[in-house]
Amino acid sequence: MDSTRILLVRHGETDWNASGRIQGHSDTPLNAAGRQQAQRAAQRLAPEPVRALYSSDLARAFETATIIGEPLGLTVVTSPRLRERQYGAWEGLTAAEIRARYPEQFTMWRARSTDFAPPQGETIRQILTRALAELQTIARRHLNEMVVVVTHGGFCYALINHILGSVNGDRREFTIGNASIHTLEVSGDQWAVISMNETAHLLGIEC
């Protein structure tokens, strides 16, 4: 059966990442470490037979994708459907600040309830719905090809958690580092995680 290999890349580090602040749809740029991480990801992906390059339209993802696209000779195609989960009123806050200001909601958030949304934000179910729809569209466009998709940590987490098989309220603990690479394969409606949180290309970078 026809399949598509998707190399899912989380954007490089931002100052808000470094300080533990929720970013969501806030349009924060890469910092110096993040640009170096993106360069390393570009070097890692340069030998791959990548046919197309997609990205969230937020600056931190787009800049990461642009750096990755240079050695590949590919132009970045952006989509708002590849954005991070929207966190609404929580954007710009740290976890400690959220816990202090919204203690009951903080507990629901930490429990990974699929139907919980921060004030003016999205649920996990909502981000997963748009993630699957957009990636299925990309996969159908690139049957039997390899593509790179640059997106965000929450996006990657929701998608990979879903593919691995979760139940409501189940909190899986795995790492999705800045500029990490996650290899997925999709055939029709069937998804597989080939590898996740590949970070060997980032060794030696001080963040």
Foldseek 3Di string as FASTA:
>chain_A
DWKEKEKEWEFFDFVCVVVQFAAFQPQTAHDPLRLVLLLLLLVVCLVPQADAEEEAPRHRQQSSRVNNCVSNVYDYHYDNLQEAWHQPPRGGHHLVVCCVPPVVLSVVVVLLAQCRHHVVTDGLVVNQVSLLVVVVVVTVVAIPHYHYYYYHDRSVCSNVCVLVPDDGSDDDDDDRHHRFIWIWMDDPNHIDTPGTRHCPSVPPRDD
